[in-house]
Protein backbone atom coordinates (compact mmCIF):
# COMPACT_ATOMS: atom_id res chain seq x y z
CA UNK A 1 109.57 122.87 49.83
CA UNK A 2 106.61 122.30 51.52
CA UNK A 3 106.24 123.38 55.84
CA UNK A 4 102.90 122.33 57.70
CA UNK A 5 100.12 124.42 58.62
CA UNK A 6 99.33 123.03 62.14
CA UNK A 7 102.71 123.34 63.99
CA UNK A 8 101.99 121.47 67.60
CA UNK A 9 105.40 122.81 69.20
CA UNK A 10 103.48 126.18 68.55
CA UNK A 11 102.21 125.74 72.03
CA UNK A 12 104.86 124.75 73.76
CA UNK A 13 107.38 127.60 73.34
CA UNK A 14 107.27 128.82 76.58
CA UNK A 15 106.01 127.98 80.32
CA UNK A 16 103.10 130.22 79.88
CA UNK A 17 101.96 128.78 76.58
CA UNK A 18 102.14 125.12 77.94
CA UNK A 19 100.45 126.01 81.31
CA UNK A 20 97.87 127.86 78.85
CA UNK A 21 96.82 124.41 77.35
CA UNK A 22 97.74 122.21 80.12
CA UNK A 23 95.18 119.32 80.66
CA UNK A 24 95.81 117.79 83.75
CA UNK A 25 96.83 119.89 86.85
CA UNK A 26 98.51 118.45 89.69
CA UNK A 27 96.87 120.24 92.76
CA UNK A 28 97.77 120.05 96.64
CA UNK A 29 94.34 119.13 97.16
CA UNK A 30 94.53 116.27 95.38
CA UNK A 31 97.16 114.66 97.83
CA UNK A 32 96.96 112.20 100.76
CA UNK A 33 99.97 111.56 103.25
CA UNK A 34 99.97 108.12 104.72
CA UNK A 35 101.33 108.37 108.07
CA UNK A 36 102.52 106.02 110.37
CA UNK A 37 101.98 105.46 114.77
CA UNK A 38 104.12 104.14 117.02
CA UNK A 39 103.67 103.78 120.85
CA UNK A 40 106.03 106.03 122.81
CA UNK A 41 107.24 109.55 123.22
CA UNK A 42 109.17 111.87 120.80
CA UNK A 43 109.40 109.47 117.97
CA UNK A 44 110.39 110.40 114.90
CA UNK A 45 111.88 107.46 113.52
CA UNK A 46 112.85 106.99 109.58
CA UNK A 47 112.45 104.30 107.71
CA UNK A 48 115.44 103.19 105.41
CA UNK A 49 113.70 101.51 102.79
CA UNK A 50 111.73 104.98 101.83
CA UNK A 51 113.70 107.93 102.05
CA UNK A 52 111.94 110.82 104.00
CA UNK A 53 109.37 108.69 105.77
CA UNK A 54 109.37 108.26 108.83
CA UNK A 55 107.31 106.71 112.00
CA UNK A 56 106.01 108.93 114.46
CA UNK A 57 104.50 108.45 118.41
CA UNK A 58 101.40 110.70 118.77
CA UNK A 59 102.89 113.68 120.12
CA UNK A 60 105.74 114.13 117.10
CA UNK A 61 102.55 113.19 114.79
CA UNK A 62 100.94 115.82 115.65
CA UNK A 63 103.68 118.21 115.21
CA UNK A 64 104.00 116.99 111.64
CA UNK A 65 100.10 117.22 110.58
CA UNK A 66 100.09 120.68 111.44
CA UNK A 67 103.05 121.20 108.99
CA UNK A 68 100.87 119.37 106.43
CA UNK A 69 97.91 121.35 106.93
CA UNK A 70 100.24 124.13 106.83
CA UNK A 71 101.10 123.44 103.01
CA UNK A 72 97.37 122.82 102.08
CA UNK A 73 97.42 118.78 101.81
CA UNK A 74 93.76 118.13 102.72
CA UNK A 75 94.03 114.71 104.50
CA UNK A 76 96.17 111.96 106.21
CA UNK A 77 96.05 108.21 106.21
CA UNK A 78 97.07 106.35 109.36
CA UNK A 79 98.84 102.98 109.74
CA UNK A 80 99.43 101.82 113.60
CA UNK A 81 102.08 99.74 114.31
CA UNK A 82 101.56 98.47 118.15
CA UNK A 83 103.70 97.85 120.33
CA UNK A 84 102.19 93.95 120.87
CA UNK A 85 100.70 91.57 118.66
CA UNK A 86 98.83 88.75 118.78
CA UNK A 87 96.69 86.06 116.33
CA UNK A 88 93.54 88.05 116.34
CA UNK A 89 95.36 91.29 116.04
CA UNK A 90 93.88 92.69 119.25
CA UNK A 91 95.45 96.07 118.93
CA UNK A 92 93.42 97.07 115.95
CA UNK A 93 90.16 97.59 118.21
CA UNK A 94 91.88 99.22 120.89
CA UNK A 95 90.66 102.36 122.39
CA UNK A 96 94.21 103.17 123.53
CA UNK A 97 95.95 102.08 120.50
CA UNK A 98 98.44 104.28 118.79
CA UNK A 99 95.72 105.02 115.95
CA UNK A 100 92.76 105.66 118.21
CA UNK A 101 94.84 107.99 120.42
CA UNK A 102 96.18 109.86 116.89
CA UNK A 103 92.79 110.42 115.96
CA UNK A 104 91.65 112.13 118.85
CA UNK A 105 95.06 114.05 119.09
CA UNK A 106 94.90 115.06 115.36
CA UNK A 107 91.03 116.07 115.86
CA UNK A 108 91.82 118.55 118.57
CA UNK A 109 95.33 119.77 117.52
CA UNK A 110 94.30 119.91 113.87
CA UNK A 111 90.55 120.26 113.44
CA UNK A 112 90.96 120.90 109.64
CA UNK A 113 92.55 118.10 108.62
CA UNK A 114 90.94 114.91 106.86
CA UNK A 115 92.10 111.90 109.14
CA UNK A 116 91.56 108.89 106.81
CA UNK A 117 92.61 105.64 108.97
CA UNK A 118 93.26 102.69 107.40
CA UNK A 119 91.72 99.38 108.42
CA UNK A 120 93.39 96.28 108.08
CA UNK A 121 94.70 93.30 110.77
CA UNK A 122 98.46 92.82 108.76
CA UNK A 123 100.44 95.41 111.19
CA UNK A 124 98.34 94.25 114.44
CA UNK A 125 98.75 90.35 114.30
CA UNK A 126 102.04 88.40 115.06
CA UNK A 127 101.38 86.27 111.78
CA UNK A 128 101.54 89.36 109.63
CA UNK A 129 98.54 88.33 107.43
CA UNK A 130 95.07 90.70 106.76
CA UNK A 131 92.71 88.64 109.13
CA UNK A 132 92.38 86.15 111.72
CA UNK A 133 93.84 82.60 110.45
CA UNK A 134 92.21 78.93 110.35
CA UNK A 135 95.18 76.93 110.50
CA UNK A 136 97.24 78.67 107.88
CA UNK A 137 94.11 79.61 105.87
CA UNK A 138 93.19 83.56 106.64
CA UNK A 139 89.38 82.78 107.13
CA UNK A 140 87.00 85.01 105.68
CA UNK A 141 84.17 85.95 107.82
CA UNK A 142 85.94 86.07 111.45
CA UNK A 143 88.53 88.44 109.92
CA UNK A 144 85.22 90.74 108.62
CA UNK A 145 83.91 90.60 112.03
CA UNK A 146 87.45 91.92 113.64
CA UNK A 147 87.77 94.45 110.73
CA UNK A 148 84.25 96.09 111.33
CA UNK A 149 85.30 96.49 115.46
CA UNK A 150 88.27 97.93 114.50
CA UNK A 151 86.51 100.48 112.12
CA UNK A 152 84.15 101.29 114.70
CA UNK A 153 87.22 101.89 117.18
CA UNK A 154 88.21 104.37 114.81
CA UNK A 155 84.96 105.94 114.34
CA UNK A 156 84.23 106.63 117.64
CA UNK A 157 87.86 108.24 118.02
CA UNK A 158 86.91 110.85 115.65
CA UNK A 159 87.63 109.73 111.84
CA UNK A 160 86.30 111.54 109.30
CA UNK A 161 87.18 108.30 106.67
CA UNK A 162 87.73 104.92 107.23
CA UNK A 163 89.31 102.87 104.64
CA UNK A 164 89.20 99.09 104.83
CA UNK A 165 92.31 97.79 102.95
CA UNK A 166 92.50 93.91 103.78
CA UNK A 167 90.51 92.63 100.33
CA UNK A 168 87.59 90.24 102.54
CA UNK A 169 85.01 89.76 100.91
CA UNK A 170 81.68 91.37 102.26
CA UNK A 171 83.59 93.94 104.97
CA UNK A 172 82.31 96.96 103.26
CA UNK A 173 78.96 96.06 103.84
CA UNK A 174 79.69 94.95 107.44
CA UNK A 175 81.63 98.22 108.55
CA UNK A 176 78.72 100.34 106.89
CA UNK A 177 76.37 98.20 109.03
CA UNK A 178 78.16 98.56 112.41
CA UNK A 179 79.31 102.19 111.88
CA UNK A 180 75.30 102.77 111.02
CA UNK A 181 74.32 101.15 114.14
CA UNK A 182 76.35 102.98 116.06
CA UNK A 183 75.11 106.37 115.12
CA UNK A 184 78.09 107.18 112.88
CA UNK A 185 76.41 107.12 109.52
CA UNK A 186 78.37 110.47 108.85
CA UNK A 187 82.01 108.64 108.38
CA UNK A 188 82.47 107.75 105.28
CA UNK A 189 84.08 104.56 103.48
CA UNK A 190 87.03 104.33 101.43
CA UNK A 191 87.29 100.90 100.12
CA UNK A 192 90.69 99.57 98.81
CA UNK A 193 88.78 97.58 96.40
CA UNK A 194 91.14 97.04 93.80
CA UNK A 195 94.34 95.81 95.90
CA UNK A 196 96.33 93.65 93.75
CA UNK A 197 98.93 91.39 95.90
CA UNK A 198 101.78 93.19 94.04
CA UNK A 199 105.57 93.18 94.35
CA UNK A 200 105.44 96.83 95.05
CA UNK A 201 104.98 96.25 98.62
CA UNK A 202 108.04 96.06 100.65
CA UNK A 203 109.14 98.92 101.66
CA UNK A 204 105.69 99.32 103.53
CA UNK A 205 106.16 95.55 105.20
CA UNK A 206 109.36 96.97 107.11
CA UNK A 207 107.52 100.54 108.43
CA UNK A 208 104.55 98.68 109.57
CA UNK A 209 106.20 95.05 110.71
CA UNK A 210 103.56 93.77 108.64
CA UNK A 211 105.63 90.89 106.55
CA UNK A 212 103.96 87.40 106.62
CA UNK A 213 105.42 85.08 108.75
CA UNK A 214 104.18 82.46 105.95
CA UNK A 215 103.12 82.47 102.74
CA UNK A 216 101.56 85.77 100.92
CA UNK A 217 98.39 87.31 100.13
CA UNK A 218 97.80 86.43 97.20
CA UNK A 219 94.78 83.82 98.38
CA UNK A 220 92.78 87.17 99.01
CA UNK A 221 94.35 90.43 96.93
CA UNK A 222 93.84 90.35 93.77
CA UNK A 223 95.98 89.10 91.11
CA UNK A 224 97.82 91.34 88.93
CA UNK A 225 96.78 89.93 85.36
CA UNK A 226 93.03 90.52 86.10
CA UNK A 227 91.31 93.76 84.80
CA UNK A 228 87.77 92.69 84.50
CA UNK A 229 87.81 91.39 87.95
CA UNK A 230 88.55 94.95 89.47
CA UNK A 231 85.34 96.39 88.06
CA UNK A 232 83.75 93.71 89.50
CA UNK A 233 85.22 94.13 93.19
CA UNK A 234 84.66 97.74 93.04
CA UNK A 235 80.93 97.38 92.15
CA UNK A 236 80.15 94.92 94.66
CA UNK A 237 81.77 97.36 97.39
CA UNK A 238 79.78 100.61 95.93
CA UNK A 239 76.60 98.17 96.68
CA UNK A 240 77.54 97.46 100.20
CA UNK A 241 77.76 100.80 101.00
CA UNK A 242 81.87 102.78 99.66
CA UNK A 243 81.65 106.19 99.02
CA UNK A 244 84.76 106.05 97.39
CA UNK A 245 86.89 103.30 95.56
CA UNK A 246 91.11 102.86 95.60
CA UNK A 247 93.23 101.05 93.19
CA UNK A 248 96.34 99.74 94.38
CA UNK A 249 99.16 100.01 93.42
CA UNK A 250 98.75 102.99 90.94
CA UNK A 251 101.30 103.08 88.25
CA UNK A 252 101.48 99.35 87.35
CA UNK A 253 97.52 99.82 87.03
CA UNK A 254 96.80 103.00 85.28
CA UNK A 255 94.56 101.13 82.76
CA UNK A 256 92.53 99.94 85.84
CA UNK A 257 91.86 103.28 87.31
CA UNK A 258 91.08 104.58 83.66
CA UNK A 259 88.31 101.64 83.63
CA UNK A 260 86.90 102.60 86.66
CA UNK A 261 86.97 106.64 86.06
CA UNK A 262 85.00 105.71 83.02
CA UNK A 263 82.26 103.39 84.84
CA UNK A 264 82.14 104.70 88.21
CA UNK A 265 81.03 107.93 89.02
CA UNK A 266 82.03 108.04 92.53
CA UNK A 267 85.38 109.94 94.31
CA UNK A 268 88.65 107.49 93.27
CA UNK A 269 92.07 107.38 94.45
CA UNK A 270 95.49 105.59 93.92
CA UNK A 271 97.59 104.77 96.19
CA UNK A 272 101.29 105.42 94.78
CA UNK A 273 102.81 102.82 97.11
CA UNK A 274 106.37 102.39 98.90
CA UNK A 275 107.73 100.34 95.93
CA UNK A 276 107.14 102.94 93.48
CA UNK A 277 108.02 105.83 95.70
CA UNK A 278 111.30 104.19 96.81
CA UNK A 279 112.39 102.85 93.24
CA UNK A 280 112.36 106.90 92.15
CA UNK A 281 114.43 107.38 95.11
CA UNK A 282 116.97 104.75 94.73
CA UNK A 283 117.47 105.82 90.78
CA UNK A 284 117.69 109.40 91.89
CA UNK A 285 120.32 108.97 94.64
CA UNK A 286 122.36 107.01 91.85
CA UNK A 287 122.02 109.87 89.95
CA UNK A 288 120.05 107.95 86.62
CA UNK A 289 116.98 110.31 86.91
CA UNK A 290 115.53 113.63 87.89
CA UNK A 291 114.02 112.80 91.37
CA UNK A 292 111.73 115.52 92.11
CA UNK A 293 111.15 115.43 88.14
CA UNK A 294 110.08 111.99 88.10
CA UNK A 295 107.93 111.95 91.30
CA UNK A 296 105.79 115.01 89.98
CA UNK A 297 105.58 112.91 86.28
CA UNK A 298 104.26 110.01 88.05
CA UNK A 299 101.68 111.56 90.17
CA UNK A 300 100.52 113.73 87.27
CA UNK A 301 100.07 110.37 84.80
CA UNK A 302 97.82 108.52 88.16
CA UNK A 303 95.58 112.29 88.09
CA UNK A 304 95.57 111.80 84.44
CA UNK A 305 94.63 108.68 84.22
CA UNK A 306 91.42 109.20 86.54
CA UNK A 307 92.17 109.79 90.28
CA UNK A 308 90.84 112.81 92.28
CA UNK A 309 92.97 111.38 95.18
CA UNK A 310 96.72 110.53 95.38
CA UNK A 311 97.70 108.32 98.19
CA UNK A 312 101.31 109.01 98.00
CA UNK A 313 104.64 109.36 100.36
CA UNK A 314 105.87 112.28 98.52
CA UNK A 315 102.90 114.25 99.53
CA UNK A 316 104.62 116.83 101.30
CA UNK A 317 107.55 117.39 99.43
CA UNK A 318 105.91 117.43 96.16
CA UNK A 319 103.18 119.87 97.90
CA UNK A 320 106.31 122.33 98.74
CA UNK A 321 106.83 122.76 94.68
CA UNK A 322 103.61 123.33 93.57
CA UNK A 323 102.34 126.87 92.85
CA UNK A 324 100.14 128.20 95.05
């Protein structure tokens, strides 16, 4: 009987051996935790469709952020949920808005933390779309002007990174110009460059109260079957001044992420979105999968595909289990 000379199992025999040949490692420094900010005080409100996720008022957000820092997670990504909304999303650039006040509070209370802010209008408009309307059509150029104003307000509050997520054409160039013109040339732009019109955003829309009042976002977010177009979007955003790029969602678009890693040398982020997170929790609650293992496996897959940063609601839970 002949036996193989090469046995791939030899380095799988113990955890020590497996760790010694491990090709992809997940670390706390790879993680970014999204946080939802609401008006009021003393608020720590659970999001029913995302177990373990809450909406915070500014005071409780600072307490949460200190715990994030202590876990070794380097950054948070803030989303605002205003008390009042209107057609033009006036709250997006309000100096006393929830996100603006949260940024100021985090700068004062947790100065070591990198503060990123989502720049979009969907949470602030009464119609739930990512821009201002012309009839029932989202008008690109007026929306870009509003987004640039929102980004500037975040920079004035002290944001380290602004992250436009709207998918309007030309918004990266407009944001870069307005930041530079007002002396915020050191504020970085993380562009949601390849954001697809996905079915995986449902739980987020509950948390951010941003479900469109009519229609959907397929007229401005990317069509899921398109792969080459994603690279074109990314290239255009880099030309306009983006410092880092995002693929969203993560797991259904690992091919796009891997393509981007081969082509671009800038930092790459991937957003492990609310639906991806909620599905793992739902299956785990039914006893169908090992939730913590499945969550970590999903994040490792995103890292393996090429992400430098992973935006995930699981950041804190996963960080607690990672080796020091």
